[in-house]
Amino acid sequence: MVGMEIRFALVELVVADMAASLAFYRALGLEVPDGAEGEPHVDFDLGGGSRLALDTIDTIRSMDPAWQPAEGGHKVALAFDCGTPEGVDSAYARMVGEGHEGHLEPWDAFWGHRYAVLHDPDGNPVDLFAPLATS
């Protein structure tokens, strides 16, 4: 349609435990609303006009009773720029030290980034990265 503007705005994750998910993303430094742990839907600003939404399984099934979780691997991953290779190592160590699940310890990827992977409380991969060298 003429005049219709479509732009990316939101990523939604389906979560089993809202409180655990909010604690995880808060620990990564996102500005998660306080007191939202018991809510069935929470969304918050990621900056740049994008938002992250978390919905409980019950919320999704209230709209789509036939909904089933994905099987056979992840269908989405979030990635966080840690600024420097040392930032990747530090963020990974801090998150694992706080009891969050580490999946792949930091490594130097062939595409020129320091990379590591955590799992959020629902098993979604959350990548930590930074360029190995700045130009």
Protein backbone atom coordinates (compact mmCIF):
# COMPACT_ATOMS: atom_id res chain seq x y z
CA MET A 1 0.00 0.00 0.00
CA VAL A 2 1.15 3.49 -0.75
CA GLY A 3 2.25 5.33 2.36
CA MET A 4 2.46 2.16 4.46
CA GLU A 5 5.69 1.97 6.43
CA ILE A 6 6.78 -1.33 7.93
CA ARG A 7 9.73 -1.44 10.31
CA PHE A 8 11.16 -4.00 12.66
CA ALA A 9 10.02 -3.25 16.21
CA LEU A 10 9.92 -6.25 18.55
CA VAL A 11 11.28 -9.71 19.31
CA GLU A 12 9.01 -11.96 21.35
CA LEU A 13 10.16 -14.91 23.43
CA VAL A 14 7.85 -17.48 24.98
CA VAL A 15 8.99 -18.21 28.53
CA ALA A 16 8.17 -20.90 31.07
CA ASP A 17 9.21 -18.84 34.12
CA MET A 18 8.77 -15.08 33.79
CA ALA A 19 10.73 -14.25 36.96
CA ALA A 20 13.73 -16.37 35.93
CA SER A 21 13.72 -14.91 32.41
CA LEU A 22 13.50 -11.32 33.67
CA ALA A 23 16.36 -11.96 36.11
CA PHE A 24 18.50 -13.37 33.27
CA TYR A 25 17.95 -10.42 30.93
CA ARG A 26 18.33 -7.95 33.80
CA ALA A 27 21.71 -9.58 34.62
CA LEU A 28 22.74 -8.96 30.99
CA GLY A 29 22.12 -5.27 31.56
CA LEU A 30 18.72 -4.75 29.97
CA GLU A 31 16.44 -2.25 31.67
CA VAL A 32 13.75 -4.71 32.72
CA PRO A 33 10.74 -3.19 34.50
CA ASP A 34 10.74 -3.76 38.26
CA GLY A 35 7.87 -5.76 39.71
CA ALA A 36 6.96 -7.50 36.45
CA GLU A 37 7.92 -11.00 37.59
CA GLY A 38 4.30 -12.17 38.02
CA GLU A 39 2.99 -10.68 34.79
CA PRO A 40 1.92 -12.88 31.84
CA HIS A 41 3.36 -10.39 29.29
CA VAL A 42 6.26 -7.99 29.71
CA ASP A 43 7.91 -5.86 27.07
CA PHE A 44 10.65 -3.30 27.36
CA ASP A 45 12.76 -0.97 25.27
CA LEU A 46 16.03 -2.17 23.75
CA GLY A 47 16.91 1.23 22.30
CA GLY A 48 16.85 2.29 18.69
CA GLY A 49 13.11 1.76 18.48
CA SER A 50 13.26 -1.99 19.20
CA ARG A 51 11.62 -3.84 22.05
CA LEU A 52 11.86 -7.28 23.64
CA ALA A 53 8.64 -9.00 24.72
CA LEU A 54 8.33 -12.00 27.00
CA ASP A 55 5.09 -13.98 27.09
CA THR A 56 4.33 -16.96 29.29
CA ILE A 57 3.30 -20.25 27.72
CA ASP A 58 -0.20 -19.76 29.21
CA THR A 59 -0.48 -16.36 27.52
CA ILE A 60 0.41 -17.79 24.12
CA ARG A 61 -1.96 -20.73 24.57
CA SER A 62 -4.78 -18.34 25.53
CA MET A 63 -4.50 -16.92 21.98
CA ASP A 64 -3.43 -20.11 20.18
CA PRO A 65 -4.53 -23.24 22.07
CA ALA A 66 -2.66 -25.48 19.61
CA TRP A 67 0.72 -23.76 20.21
CA GLN A 68 3.62 -26.14 20.84
CA PRO A 69 7.24 -25.26 21.61
CA ALA A 70 9.80 -25.73 18.84
CA GLU A 71 11.58 -29.08 18.75
CA GLY A 72 14.96 -30.13 17.48
CA GLY A 73 16.98 -27.02 18.20
CA HIS A 74 16.55 -23.32 18.66
CA LYS A 75 14.54 -21.14 16.32
CA VAL A 76 15.81 -17.78 17.57
CA ALA A 77 18.97 -16.42 19.17
CA LEU A 78 19.68 -13.02 20.65
CA ALA A 79 23.14 -11.45 20.44
CA PHE A 80 24.74 -8.84 22.69
CA ASP A 81 27.74 -6.73 21.65
CA CYS A 82 30.18 -6.67 24.57
CA GLY A 83 32.46 -4.04 23.01
CA THR A 84 35.79 -5.83 23.41
CA PRO A 85 37.05 -9.42 23.51
CA GLU A 86 37.72 -8.91 27.23
CA GLY A 87 34.12 -7.77 27.60
CA VAL A 88 32.93 -11.10 26.16
CA ASP A 89 35.10 -13.05 28.60
CA SER A 90 33.99 -10.92 31.54
CA ALA A 91 30.28 -11.04 30.70
CA TYR A 92 30.37 -14.81 30.19
CA ALA A 93 32.24 -15.41 33.46
CA ARG A 94 29.89 -13.09 35.39
CA MET A 95 26.72 -14.70 34.01
CA VAL A 96 27.95 -18.25 34.62
CA GLY A 97 29.19 -17.18 38.07
CA GLU A 98 25.68 -15.93 38.85
CA GLY A 99 24.33 -19.39 38.02
CA HIS A 100 23.17 -18.85 34.44
CA GLU A 101 23.82 -21.64 31.97
CA GLY A 102 26.96 -21.33 29.88
CA HIS A 103 26.72 -23.21 26.59
CA LEU A 104 29.91 -22.38 24.67
CA GLU A 105 32.86 -20.80 26.45
CA PRO A 106 34.49 -17.79 24.77
CA TRP A 107 36.47 -18.49 21.61
CA ASP A 108 37.98 -16.57 18.71
CA ALA A 109 35.68 -17.20 15.76
CA PHE A 110 36.99 -17.43 12.21
CA TRP A 111 34.79 -14.48 11.19
CA GLY A 112 36.82 -12.11 13.37
CA HIS A 113 34.86 -11.97 16.62
CA ARG A 114 35.35 -13.17 20.16
CA TYR A 115 32.21 -15.19 20.77
CA ALA A 116 30.47 -17.06 23.59
CA VAL A 117 27.00 -18.53 24.03
CA LEU A 118 24.77 -18.67 27.09
CA HIS A 119 21.33 -20.25 27.37
CA ASP A 120 18.50 -18.24 28.84
CA PRO A 121 16.16 -20.03 31.28
CA ASP A 122 14.13 -21.45 28.36
CA GLY A 123 17.17 -22.76 26.50
CA ASN A 124 17.33 -19.99 23.90
CA PRO A 125 20.90 -19.25 22.86
CA VAL A 126 22.14 -15.80 23.83
CA ASP A 127 25.33 -14.86 22.04
CA LEU A 128 27.98 -12.55 23.43
CA PHE A 129 30.37 -11.07 20.88
CA ALA A 130 32.93 -8.38 20.09
CA PRO A 131 35.30 -7.75 17.20
CA LEU A 132 38.76 -9.21 17.75
CA ALA A 133 40.41 -6.14 16.28
CA THR A 134 39.10 -2.64 15.76
CA SER A 135 39.99 -0.71 12.66
